[in-house]
PDB file of all heavy atoms in Angstrom:
ATOM      1  N   GLY A   1     -58.889  19.932  -4.599  1.00  0.00           N
ATOM      2  CA  GLY A   1     -57.637  19.169  -4.620  1.00  0.00           C
ATOM      3  C   GLY A   1     -56.554  19.835  -5.425  1.00  0.00           C
ATOM      4  O   GLY A   1     -55.355  19.634  -5.176  1.00  0.00           O
ATOM      5  N   MET A   2     -56.949  20.659  -6.406  1.00  0.00           N
ATOM      6  CA  MET A   2     -55.962  21.332  -7.232  1.00  0.00           C
ATOM      7  C   MET A   2     -55.120  22.341  -6.451  1.00  0.00           C
ATOM      8  O   MET A   2     -54.037  22.725  -6.877  1.00  0.00           O
ATOM      9  CB  MET A   2     -56.664  22.037  -8.401  1.00  0.00           C
ATOM     10  CG  MET A   2     -57.260  21.077  -9.415  1.00  0.00           C
ATOM     11  SD  MET A   2     -58.212  21.934 -10.702  1.00  0.00           S
ATOM     12  CE  MET A   2     -56.907  22.798 -11.553  1.00  0.00           C
ATOM     13  N   MET A   3     -55.618  22.759  -5.290  1.00  0.00           N
ATOM     14  CA  MET A   3     -54.857  23.707  -4.475  1.00  0.00           C
ATOM     15  C   MET A   3     -53.738  23.025  -3.704  1.00  0.00           C
ATOM     16  O   MET A   3     -52.835  23.687  -3.179  1.00  0.00           O
ATOM     17  CB  MET A   3     -55.791  24.402  -3.475  1.00  0.00           C
ATOM     18  CG  MET A   3     -56.887  25.219  -4.104  1.00  0.00           C
ATOM     19  SD  MET A   3     -57.859  26.107  -2.859  1.00  0.00           S
ATOM     20  CE  MET A   3     -58.576  24.744  -1.936  1.00  0.00           C
ATOM     21  N   ILE A   4     -53.787  21.716  -3.628  1.00  0.00           N
ATOM     22  CA  ILE A   4     -52.897  21.006  -2.713  1.00  0.00           C
ATOM     23  C   ILE A   4     -51.433  21.155  -3.096  1.00  0.00           C
ATOM     24  O   ILE A   4     -50.560  21.285  -2.229  1.00  0.00           O
ATOM     25  CB  ILE A   4     -53.302  19.517  -2.637  1.00  0.00           C
ATOM     26  CG1 ILE A   4     -54.628  19.393  -1.890  1.00  0.00           C
ATOM     27  CG2 ILE A   4     -52.233  18.682  -1.938  1.00  0.00           C
ATOM     28  CD1 ILE A   4     -55.203  18.008  -1.859  1.00  0.00           C
ATOM     29  N   SER A   5     -51.126  21.148  -4.394  1.00  0.00           N
ATOM     30  CA  SER A   5     -49.717  21.243  -4.808  1.00  0.00           C
ATOM     31  C   SER A   5     -49.089  22.566  -4.389  1.00  0.00           C
ATOM     32  O   SER A   5     -47.864  22.678  -4.306  1.00  0.00           O
ATOM     33  CB  SER A   5     -49.595  21.083  -6.331  1.00  0.00           C
ATOM     34  OG  SER A   5     -50.172  22.180  -7.006  1.00  0.00           O
ATOM     35  N   ILE A   6     -49.921  23.570  -4.116  1.00  0.00           N
ATOM     36  CA  ILE A   6     -49.403  24.857  -3.639  1.00  0.00           C
ATOM     37  C   ILE A   6     -49.245  24.836  -2.126  1.00  0.00           C
ATOM     38  O   ILE A   6     -48.192  25.113  -1.576  1.00  0.00           O
ATOM     39  CB  ILE A   6     -50.334  26.004  -4.062  1.00  0.00           C
ATOM     40  CG1 ILE A   6     -50.444  26.058  -5.591  1.00  0.00           C
ATOM     41  CG2 ILE A   6     -49.836  27.320  -3.510  1.00  0.00           C
ATOM     42  CD1 ILE A   6     -51.452  27.067  -6.092  1.00  0.00           C
ATOM     43  N   PHE A   7     -50.303  24.444  -1.440  1.00  0.00           N
ATOM     44  CA  PHE A   7     -50.314  24.541   0.018  1.00  0.00           C
ATOM     45  C   PHE A   7     -49.421  23.503   0.694  1.00  0.00           C
ATOM     46  O   PHE A   7     -48.963  23.730   1.814  1.00  0.00           O
ATOM     47  CB  PHE A   7     -51.742  24.403   0.545  1.00  0.00           C
ATOM     48  CG  PHE A   7     -52.614  25.574   0.216  1.00  0.00           C
ATOM     49  CD1 PHE A   7     -53.986  25.459   0.223  1.00  0.00           C
ATOM     50  CD2 PHE A   7     -52.070  26.808  -0.103  1.00  0.00           C
ATOM     51  CE1 PHE A   7     -54.807  26.536  -0.074  1.00  0.00           C
ATOM     52  CE2 PHE A   7     -52.864  27.900  -0.406  1.00  0.00           C
ATOM     53  CZ  PHE A   7     -54.235  27.757  -0.395  1.00  0.00           C
ATOM     54  N   CYS A   8     -49.196  22.361   0.062  1.00  0.00           N
ATOM     55  CA  CYS A   8     -48.403  21.320   0.717  1.00  0.00           C
ATOM     56  C   CYS A   8     -46.911  21.446   0.408  1.00  0.00           C
ATOM     57  O   CYS A   8     -46.120  20.595   0.816  1.00  0.00           O
ATOM     58  CB  CYS A   8     -48.888  19.936   0.306  1.00  0.00           C
ATOM     59  SG  CYS A   8     -48.499  19.523  -1.408  1.00  0.00           S
ATOM     60  N   LEU A   9     -46.513  22.495  -0.314  1.00  0.00           N
ATOM     61  CA  LEU A   9     -45.097  22.775  -0.583  1.00  0.00           C
ATOM     62  C   LEU A   9     -44.408  21.689  -1.397  1.00  0.00           C
ATOM     63  O   LEU A   9     -43.200  21.503  -1.277  1.00  0.00           O
ATOM     64  CB  LEU A   9     -44.334  22.982   0.739  1.00  0.00           C
ATOM     65  CG  LEU A   9     -44.720  24.234   1.527  1.00  0.00           C
ATOM     66  CD1 LEU A   9     -44.027  24.227   2.879  1.00  0.00           C
ATOM     67  CD2 LEU A   9     -44.338  25.495   0.775  1.00  0.00           C
ATOM     68  N   LEU A  10     -45.160  20.991  -2.222  1.00  0.00           N
ATOM     69  CA  LEU A  10     -44.543  19.974  -3.064  1.00  0.00           C
ATOM     70  C   LEU A  10     -43.480  20.572  -3.969  1.00  0.00           C
ATOM     71  O   LEU A  10     -42.389  20.028  -4.130  1.00  0.00           O
ATOM     72  CB  LEU A  10     -45.623  19.272  -3.908  1.00  0.00           C
ATOM     73  CG  LEU A  10     -45.125  18.256  -4.940  1.00  0.00           C
ATOM     74  CD1 LEU A  10     -44.365  17.119  -4.266  1.00  0.00           C
ATOM     75  CD2 LEU A  10     -46.299  17.701  -5.752  1.00  0.00           C
ATOM     76  N   PHE A  11     -43.765  21.734  -4.573  1.00  0.00           N
ATOM     77  CA  PHE A  11     -42.796  22.352  -5.486  1.00  0.00           C
ATOM     78  C   PHE A  11     -41.517  22.738  -4.752  1.00  0.00           C
ATOM     79  O   PHE A  11     -40.419  22.668  -5.309  1.00  0.00           O
ATOM     80  CB  PHE A  11     -43.421  23.571  -6.188  1.00  0.00           C
ATOM     81  CG  PHE A  11     -43.812  24.688  -5.266  1.00  0.00           C
ATOM     82  CD1 PHE A  11     -42.913  25.677  -4.935  1.00  0.00           C
ATOM     83  CD2 PHE A  11     -45.090  24.754  -4.749  1.00  0.00           C
ATOM     84  CE1 PHE A  11     -43.266  26.720  -4.094  1.00  0.00           C
ATOM     85  CE2 PHE A  11     -45.461  25.791  -3.906  1.00  0.00           C
ATOM     86  CZ  PHE A  11     -44.539  26.767  -3.571  1.00  0.00           C
ATOM     87  N   THR A  12     -41.647  23.137  -3.468  1.00  0.00           N
ATOM     88  CA  THR A  12     -40.450  23.477  -2.700  1.00  0.00           C
ATOM     89  C   THR A  12     -39.617  22.242  -2.427  1.00  0.00           C
ATOM     90  O   THR A  12     -38.378  22.275  -2.495  1.00  0.00           O
ATOM     91  CB  THR A  12     -40.847  24.136  -1.364  1.00  0.00           C
ATOM     92  OG1 THR A  12     -41.690  25.265  -1.635  1.00  0.00           O
ATOM     93  CG2 THR A  12     -39.623  24.595  -0.601  1.00  0.00           C
ATOM     94  N   MET A  13     -40.276  21.131  -2.118  1.00  0.00           N
ATOM     95  CA  MET A  13     -39.533  19.892  -1.863  1.00  0.00           C
ATOM     96  C   MET A  13     -38.818  19.407  -3.126  1.00  0.00           C
ATOM     97  O   MET A  13     -37.712  18.882  -3.059  1.00  0.00           O
ATOM     98  CB  MET A  13     -40.483  18.808  -1.354  1.00  0.00           C
ATOM     99  CG  MET A  13     -41.095  19.106   0.010  1.00  0.00           C
ATOM    100  SD  MET A  13     -39.885  19.360   1.332  1.00  0.00           S
ATOM    101  CE  MET A  13     -39.837  21.166   1.427  1.00  0.00           C
ATOM    102  N   VAL A  14     -39.446  19.595  -4.265  1.00  0.00           N
ATOM    103  CA  VAL A  14     -38.785  19.245  -5.535  1.00  0.00           C
ATOM    104  C   VAL A  14     -37.533  20.093  -5.711  1.00  0.00           C
ATOM    105  O   VAL A  14     -36.460  19.576  -6.057  1.00  0.00           O
ATOM    106  CB  VAL A  14     -39.756  19.446  -6.718  1.00  0.00           C
ATOM    107  CG1 VAL A  14     -39.007  19.334  -8.053  1.00  0.00           C
ATOM    108  CG2 VAL A  14     -40.872  18.425  -6.662  1.00  0.00           C
ATOM    109  N   PHE A  15     -37.630  21.368  -5.451  1.00  0.00           N
ATOM    110  CA  PHE A  15     -36.491  22.273  -5.595  1.00  0.00           C
ATOM    111  C   PHE A  15     -35.379  21.939  -4.598  1.00  0.00           C
ATOM    112  O   PHE A  15     -34.199  22.032  -4.910  1.00  0.00           O
ATOM    113  CB  PHE A  15     -36.972  23.710  -5.414  1.00  0.00           C
ATOM    114  CG  PHE A  15     -35.875  24.727  -5.331  1.00  0.00           C
ATOM    115  CD1 PHE A  15     -35.025  24.942  -6.409  1.00  0.00           C
ATOM    116  CD2 PHE A  15     -35.675  25.475  -4.181  1.00  0.00           C
ATOM    117  CE1 PHE A  15     -34.006  25.888  -6.339  1.00  0.00           C
ATOM    118  CE2 PHE A  15     -34.677  26.424  -4.102  1.00  0.00           C
ATOM    119  CZ  PHE A  15     -33.829  26.620  -5.184  1.00  0.00           C
ATOM    120  N   PHE A  16     -35.743  21.522  -3.385  1.00  0.00           N
ATOM    121  CA  PHE A  16     -34.743  21.213  -2.366  1.00  0.00           C
ATOM    122  C   PHE A  16     -33.892  19.999  -2.727  1.00  0.00           C
ATOM    123  O   PHE A  16     -32.763  19.868  -2.264  1.00  0.00           O
ATOM    124  CB  PHE A  16     -35.411  20.982  -1.015  1.00  0.00           C
ATOM    125  CG  PHE A  16     -35.729  22.261  -0.276  1.00  0.00           C
ATOM    126  CD1 PHE A  16     -35.596  23.502  -0.886  1.00  0.00           C
ATOM    127  CD2 PHE A  16     -36.161  22.229   1.033  1.00  0.00           C
ATOM    128  CE1 PHE A  16     -35.885  24.676  -0.217  1.00  0.00           C
ATOM    129  CE2 PHE A  16     -36.452  23.395   1.728  1.00  0.00           C
ATOM    130  CZ  PHE A  16     -36.315  24.618   1.100  1.00  0.00           C
ATOM    131  N   GLY A  17     -34.430  19.092  -3.527  1.00  0.00           N
ATOM    132  CA  GLY A  17     -33.620  17.989  -4.029  1.00  0.00           C
ATOM    133  C   GLY A  17     -33.433  16.815  -3.096  1.00  0.00           C
ATOM    134  O   GLY A  17     -32.584  15.952  -3.329  1.00  0.00           O
ATOM    135  N   MET A  18     -34.246  16.725  -2.051  1.00  0.00           N
ATOM    136  CA  MET A  18     -34.130  15.635  -1.089  1.00  0.00           C
ATOM    137  C   MET A  18     -35.158  14.537  -1.381  1.00  0.00           C
ATOM    138  O   MET A  18     -35.891  14.591  -2.370  1.00  0.00           O
ATOM    139  CB  MET A  18     -34.292  16.186   0.326  1.00  0.00           C
ATOM    140  CG  MET A  18     -33.140  17.079   0.761  1.00  0.00           C
ATOM    141  SD  MET A  18     -31.614  16.147   1.016  1.00  0.00           S
ATOM    142  CE  MET A  18     -32.016  15.299   2.544  1.00  0.00           C
ATOM    143  N   GLU A  19     -35.224  13.556  -0.467  1.00  0.00           N
ATOM    144  CA  GLU A  19     -36.114  12.412  -0.662  1.00  0.00           C
ATOM    145  C   GLU A  19     -37.561  12.731  -0.336  1.00  0.00           C
ATOM    146  O   GLU A  19     -38.449  11.901  -0.553  1.00  0.00           O
ATOM    147  CB  GLU A  19     -35.650  11.221   0.194  1.00  0.00           C
ATOM    148  CG  GLU A  19     -35.885  11.367   1.680  1.00  0.00           C
ATOM    149  CD  GLU A  19     -34.737  12.055   2.396  1.00  0.00           C
ATOM    150  OE1 GLU A  19     -33.862  12.629   1.707  1.00  0.00           O
ATOM    151  OE2 GLU A  19     -34.696  12.020   3.637  1.00  0.00           O
ATOM    152  N   GLN A  20     -37.852  13.926   0.183  1.00  0.00           N
ATOM    153  CA  GLN A  20     -39.208  14.254   0.600  1.00  0.00           C
ATOM    154  C   GLN A  20     -40.217  14.206  -0.558  1.00  0.00           C
ATOM    155  O   GLN A  20     -41.384  13.868  -0.347  1.00  0.00           O
ATOM    156  CB  GLN A  20     -39.250  15.636   1.266  1.00  0.00           C
ATOM    157  CG  GLN A  20     -38.928  15.624   2.739  1.00  0.00           C
ATOM    158  CD  GLN A  20     -37.450  15.427   3.021  1.00  0.00           C
ATOM    159  OE1 GLN A  20     -36.616  15.903   2.259  1.00  0.00           O
ATOM    160  NE2 GLN A  20     -37.129  14.752   4.103  1.00  0.00           N
ATOM    161  N   SER A  21     -39.783  14.534  -1.768  1.00  0.00           N
ATOM    162  CA  SER A  21     -40.704  14.465  -2.916  1.00  0.00           C
ATOM    163  C   SER A  21     -41.151  13.028  -3.167  1.00  0.00           C
ATOM    164  O   SER A  21     -42.337  12.764  -3.414  1.00  0.00           O
ATOM    165  CB  SER A  21     -40.034  15.028  -4.170  1.00  0.00           C
ATOM    166  OG  SER A  21     -39.695  16.374  -4.003  1.00  0.00           O
ATOM    167  N   LEU A  22     -40.202  12.095  -3.106  1.00  0.00           N
ATOM    168  CA  LEU A  22     -40.556  10.683  -3.256  1.00  0.00           C
ATOM    169  C   LEU A  22     -41.436  10.215  -2.110  1.00  0.00           C
ATOM    170  O   LEU A  22     -42.355   9.412  -2.309  1.00  0.00           O
ATOM    171  CB  LEU A  22     -39.286   9.831  -3.323  1.00  0.00           C
ATOM    172  CG  LEU A  22     -38.578   9.751  -4.675  1.00  0.00           C
ATOM    173  CD1 LEU A  22     -37.228   9.060  -4.521  1.00  0.00           C
ATOM    174  CD2 LEU A  22     -39.437   9.005  -5.684  1.00  0.00           C
ATOM    175  N   HIS A  23     -41.152  10.698  -0.908  1.00  0.00           N
ATOM    176  CA  HIS A  23     -41.971  10.331   0.250  1.00  0.00           C
ATOM    177  C   HIS A  23     -43.403  10.807   0.055  1.00  0.00           C
ATOM    178  O   HIS A  23     -44.362  10.081   0.375  1.00  0.00           O
ATOM    179  CB  HIS A  23     -41.360  10.952   1.514  1.00  0.00           C
ATOM    180  CG  HIS A  23     -41.848  10.326   2.780  1.00  0.00           C
ATOM    181  ND1 HIS A  23     -41.462  10.769   4.021  1.00  0.00           N
ATOM    182  CD2 HIS A  23     -42.707   9.296   3.008  1.00  0.00           C
ATOM    183  CE1 HIS A  23     -42.037  10.037   4.952  1.00  0.00           C
ATOM    184  NE2 HIS A  23     -42.814   9.141   4.352  1.00  0.00           N
ATOM    185  N   MET A  24     -43.569  12.005  -0.469  1.00  0.00           N
ATOM    186  CA  MET A  24     -44.912  12.538  -0.714  1.00  0.00           C
ATOM    187  C   MET A  24     -45.618  11.740  -1.804  1.00  0.00           C
ATOM    188  O   MET A  24     -46.813  11.441  -1.700  1.00  0.00           O
ATOM    189  CB  MET A  24     -44.814  14.017  -1.072  1.00  0.00           C
ATOM    190  CG  MET A  24     -44.288  14.873   0.081  1.00  0.00           C
ATOM    191  SD  MET A  24     -43.858  16.571  -0.373  1.00  0.00           S
ATOM    192  CE  MET A  24     -45.461  17.360  -0.223  1.00  0.00           C
ATOM    193  N   LEU A  25     -44.899  11.383  -2.855  1.00  0.00           N
ATOM    194  CA  LEU A  25     -45.484  10.570  -3.926  1.00  0.00           C
ATOM    195  C   LEU A  25     -45.968   9.229  -3.378  1.00  0.00           C
ATOM    196  O   LEU A  25     -47.104   8.800  -3.635  1.00  0.00           O
ATOM    197  CB  LEU A  25     -44.453  10.354  -5.034  1.00  0.00           C
ATOM    198  CG  LEU A  25     -44.818   9.316  -6.103  1.00  0.00           C
ATOM    199  CD1 LEU A  25     -46.087   9.721  -6.843  1.00  0.00           C
ATOM    200  CD2 LEU A  25     -43.656   9.126  -7.080  1.00  0.00           C
ATOM    201  N   LEU A  26     -45.119   8.546  -2.629  1.00  0.00           N
ATOM    202  CA  LEU A  26     -45.473   7.226  -2.109  1.00  0.00           C
ATOM    203  C   LEU A  26     -46.606   7.322  -1.090  1.00  0.00           C
ATOM    204  O   LEU A  26     -47.433   6.403  -0.984  1.00  0.00           O
ATOM    205  CB  LEU A  26     -44.240   6.568  -1.482  1.00  0.00           C
ATOM    206  CG  LEU A  26     -43.174   6.135  -2.490  1.00  0.00           C
ATOM    207  CD1 LEU A  26     -41.869   5.780  -1.790  1.00  0.00           C
ATOM    208  CD2 LEU A  26     -43.665   4.934  -3.315  1.00  0.00           C
ATOM    209  N   SER A  27     -46.677   8.418  -0.356  1.00  0.00           N
ATOM    210  CA  SER A  27     -47.767   8.610   0.600  1.00  0.00           C
ATOM    211  C   SER A  27     -49.107   8.752  -0.120  1.00  0.00           C
ATOM    212  O   SER A  27     -50.119   8.164   0.298  1.00  0.00           O
ATOM    213  CB  SER A  27     -47.502   9.854   1.461  1.00  0.00           C
ATOM    214  OG  SER A  27     -46.325   9.701   2.226  1.00  0.00           O
ATOM    215  N   VAL A  28     -49.118   9.528  -1.213  1.00  0.00           N
ATOM    216  CA  VAL A  28     -50.353   9.669  -1.997  1.00  0.00           C
ATOM    217  C   VAL A  28     -50.745   8.327  -2.610  1.00  0.00           C
ATOM    218  O   VAL A  28     -51.916   7.931  -2.588  1.00  0.00           O
ATOM    219  CB  VAL A  28     -50.183  10.735  -3.092  1.00  0.00           C
ATOM    220  CG1 VAL A  28     -51.431  10.789  -3.980  1.00  0.00           C
ATOM    221  CG2 VAL A  28     -49.928  12.095  -2.482  1.00  0.00           C
ATOM    222  N   LEU A  29     -49.766   7.606  -3.156  1.00  0.00           N
ATOM    223  CA  LEU A  29     -50.053   6.286  -3.725  1.00  0.00           C
ATOM    224  C   LEU A  29     -50.586   5.329  -2.668  1.00  0.00           C
ATOM    225  O   LEU A  29     -51.477   4.519  -2.941  1.00  0.00           O
ATOM    226  CB  LEU A  29     -48.787   5.710  -4.367  1.00  0.00           C
ATOM    227  CG  LEU A  29     -48.363   6.312  -5.704  1.00  0.00           C
ATOM    228  CD1 LEU A  29     -46.990   5.801  -6.117  1.00  0.00           C
ATOM    229  CD2 LEU A  29     -49.392   5.984  -6.791  1.00  0.00           C
ATOM    230  N   ALA A  30     -50.025   5.412  -1.456  1.00  0.00           N
ATOM    231  CA  ALA A  30     -50.467   4.516  -0.387  1.00  0.00           C
ATOM    232  C   ALA A  30     -51.935   4.747  -0.050  1.00  0.00           C
ATOM    233  O   ALA A  30     -52.727   3.792   0.039  1.00  0.00           O
ATOM    234  CB  ALA A  30     -49.596   4.705   0.857  1.00  0.00           C
ATOM    235  N   ILE A  31     -52.326   6.027   0.128  1.00  0.00           N
ATOM    236  CA  ILE A  31     -53.736   6.259   0.476  1.00  0.00           C
ATOM    237  C   ILE A  31     -54.648   5.999  -0.724  1.00  0.00           C
ATOM    238  O   ILE A  31     -55.806   5.594  -0.551  1.00  0.00           O
ATOM    239  CB  ILE A  31     -53.956   7.672   1.060  1.00  0.00           C
ATOM    240  CG1 ILE A  31     -53.628   8.765   0.058  1.00  0.00           C
ATOM    241  CG2 ILE A  31     -53.161   7.866   2.332  1.00  0.00           C
ATOM    242  CD1 ILE A  31     -53.949  10.167   0.575  1.00  0.00           C
ATOM    243  N   TYR A  32     -54.127   6.179  -1.938  1.00  0.00           N
ATOM    244  CA  TYR A  32     -54.916   5.843  -3.131  1.00  0.00           C
ATOM    245  C   TYR A  32     -55.244   4.354  -3.150  1.00  0.00           C
ATOM    246  O   TYR A  32     -56.399   3.952  -3.323  1.00  0.00           O
ATOM    247  CB  TYR A  32     -54.166   6.230  -4.401  1.00  0.00           C
ATOM    248  CG  TYR A  32     -54.917   5.904  -5.682  1.00  0.00           C
ATOM    249  CD1 TYR A  32     -55.696   6.861  -6.316  1.00  0.00           C
ATOM    250  CD2 TYR A  32     -54.855   4.629  -6.245  1.00  0.00           C
ATOM    251  CE1 TYR A  32     -56.406   6.564  -7.469  1.00  0.00           C
ATOM    252  CE2 TYR A  32     -55.567   4.315  -7.397  1.00  0.00           C
ATOM    253  CZ  TYR A  32     -56.336   5.288  -8.012  1.00  0.00           C
ATOM    254  OH  TYR A  32     -57.047   4.985  -9.149  1.00  0.00           O
ATOM    255  N   PHE A  33     -54.225   3.519  -2.958  1.00  0.00           N
ATOM    256  CA  PHE A  33     -54.446   2.071  -3.051  1.00  0.00           C
ATOM    257  C   PHE A  33     -55.153   1.520  -1.814  1.00  0.00           C
ATOM    258  O   PHE A  33     -55.825   0.489  -1.900  1.00  0.00           O
ATOM    259  CB  PHE A  33     -53.126   1.353  -3.314  1.00  0.00           C
ATOM    260  CG  PHE A  33     -52.633   1.515  -4.723  1.00  0.00           C
ATOM    261  CD1 PHE A  33     -51.439   2.164  -4.985  1.00  0.00           C
ATOM    262  CD2 PHE A  33     -53.380   1.055  -5.794  1.00  0.00           C
ATOM    263  CE1 PHE A  33     -50.987   2.335  -6.289  1.00  0.00           C
ATOM    264  CE2 PHE A  33     -52.942   1.221  -7.104  1.00  0.00           C
ATOM    265  CZ  PHE A  33     -51.741   1.864  -7.357  1.00  0.00           C
ATOM    266  N   ILE A  34     -55.008   2.178  -0.657  1.00  0.00           N
ATOM    267  CA  ILE A  34     -55.825   1.781   0.494  1.00  0.00           C
ATOM    268  C   ILE A  34     -57.295   2.021   0.170  1.00  0.00           C
ATOM    269  O   ILE A  34     -58.158   1.159   0.417  1.00  0.00           O
ATOM    270  CB  ILE A  34     -55.408   2.552   1.760  1.00  0.00           C
ATOM    271  CG1 ILE A  34     -54.036   2.085   2.250  1.00  0.00           C
ATOM    272  CG2 ILE A  34     -56.441   2.350   2.874  1.00  0.00           C
ATOM    273  CD1 ILE A  34     -53.476   2.914   3.389  1.00  0.00           C
ATOM    274  N   LYS A  35     -57.582   3.188  -0.380  1.00  0.00           N
ATOM    275  CA  LYS A  35     -58.958   3.516  -0.765  1.00  0.00           C
ATOM    276  C   LYS A  35     -59.485   2.530  -1.800  1.00  0.00           C
ATOM    277  O   LYS A  35     -60.626   2.053  -1.714  1.00  0.00           O
ATOM    278  CB  LYS A  35     -58.990   4.936  -1.334  1.00  0.00           C
ATOM    279  CG  LYS A  35     -60.377   5.491  -1.590  1.00  0.00           C
ATOM    280  CD  LYS A  35     -61.032   5.927  -0.309  1.00  0.00           C
ATOM    281  CE  LYS A  35     -62.351   6.631  -0.577  1.00  0.00           C
ATOM    282  NZ  LYS A  35     -63.018   7.039   0.678  1.00  0.00           N
ATOM    283  N   GLN A  36     -58.659   2.222  -2.778  1.00  0.00           N
ATOM    284  CA  GLN A  36     -59.058   1.289  -3.836  1.00  0.00           C
ATOM    285  C   GLN A  36     -59.327  -0.105  -3.270  1.00  0.00           C
ATOM    286  O   GLN A  36     -60.299  -0.763  -3.641  1.00  0.00           O
ATOM    287  CB  GLN A  36     -57.975   1.218  -4.912  1.00  0.00           C
ATOM    288  CG  GLN A  36     -58.347   0.397  -6.128  1.00  0.00           C
ATOM    289  CD  GLN A  36     -57.222   0.340  -7.133  1.00  0.00           C
ATOM    290  OE1 GLN A  36     -56.173  -0.245  -6.852  1.00  0.00           O
ATOM    291  NE2 GLN A  36     -57.412   0.973  -8.289  1.00  0.00           N
ATOM    292  N   ASN A  37     -58.458  -0.560  -2.364  1.00  0.00           N
ATOM    293  CA  ASN A  37     -58.648  -1.886  -1.777  1.00  0.00           C
ATOM    294  C   ASN A  37     -59.873  -1.954  -0.888  1.00  0.00           C
ATOM    295  O   ASN A  37     -60.577  -2.969  -0.870  1.00  0.00           O
ATOM    296  CB  ASN A  37     -57.397  -2.283  -0.988  1.00  0.00           C
ATOM    297  CG  ASN A  37     -56.322  -2.899  -1.864  1.00  0.00           C
ATOM    298  OD1 ASN A  37     -56.282  -4.106  -2.072  1.00  0.00           O
ATOM    299  ND2 ASN A  37     -55.438  -2.053  -2.401  1.00  0.00           N
ATOM    300  N   GLU A  38     -60.138  -0.884  -0.143  1.00  0.00           N
ATOM    301  CA  GLU A  38     -61.350  -0.870   0.676  1.00  0.00           C
ATOM    302  C   GLU A  38     -62.602  -0.906  -0.194  1.00  0.00           C
ATOM    303  O   GLU A  38     -63.605  -1.525   0.154  1.00  0.00           O
ATOM    304  CB  GLU A  38     -61.369   0.377   1.555  1.00  0.00           C
ATOM    305  CG  GLU A  38     -60.376   0.325   2.716  1.00  0.00           C
ATOM    306  CD  GLU A  38     -60.553   1.496   3.657  1.00  0.00           C
ATOM    307  OE1 GLU A  38     -60.872   2.606   3.180  1.00  0.00           O
ATOM    308  OE2 GLU A  38     -60.361   1.303   4.857  1.00  0.00           O
TER     309      GLU A  38
END
């Protein structure tokens, strides 16, 4: 999992300054809480 921040271009989205970083954060939170609820 530690490789993901490199391969998924999260750092590039942060640099680009758009909403994609927030979208990625909320997507991870969504699958985290789906897993937790299940």
